[in-house]
């Protein structure tokens, strides 16, 4: 799904309903409460790579769209039009991923947006790999973000990552033995996004070669 004519696609599998719940119950409860509030809010989400920041932000957007709200997701890692961030105050939900990648002009635009939404009902959710105080940003913007509600996503352990992948594979009607996942995390990578890409490759090769995804098959295809 694309939005606003921007080259940013939403992943229809990234829903709040399938976000990792066990370690983030308080955050999900807080997000749920935001949908019932009529005042503006700013929330800062931090977390390591593959901790689920993008999943959470896109999940917020999908829920907002389901409720007929105006919502937009942006990833600062992707090219955006100039003077764009400070034009979003009319949206009900604005989710901005990877703000640690903002250039100086975009930092000023985000600062302007922060000030504009004080008079609106906008929910502004931003993410970064570190906490606000650790970011290299314009002083005024950094000060504003330090006043946001801050949540740090808990890192998943290997078994929780396996459980998450299994749920994703169930959506695709793909069954893979737990031993394969454990082997990938032990030998290939513990980075969830890297493992998911590897599984996509294995799935394609499995269909092409008409072979099940087993540990010997993983060794052959991924050359490990």
Foldseek 3Di string as FASTA:
>chain_A
DDPPPDPDDQDPVLALVLPLCPQCVVVSVVLVVLVVDFAEAEEEEAEAAQLCLSSVLSNSQVVCVVVVFFEDEEELVDDDDQLDLLVCLVGQEYEYEACLNDDQRVLVSPLNNLVSNNPGNHYYYYYHHDQLVPGDYDPSSSVSSVPHHYDYRDHDDQVSLLVSVVVVVVVVVADDDSVQSVCCVVPPHVRSVVVVVLVVVLVVVCVVVVHHDDNVSSCVRVVD
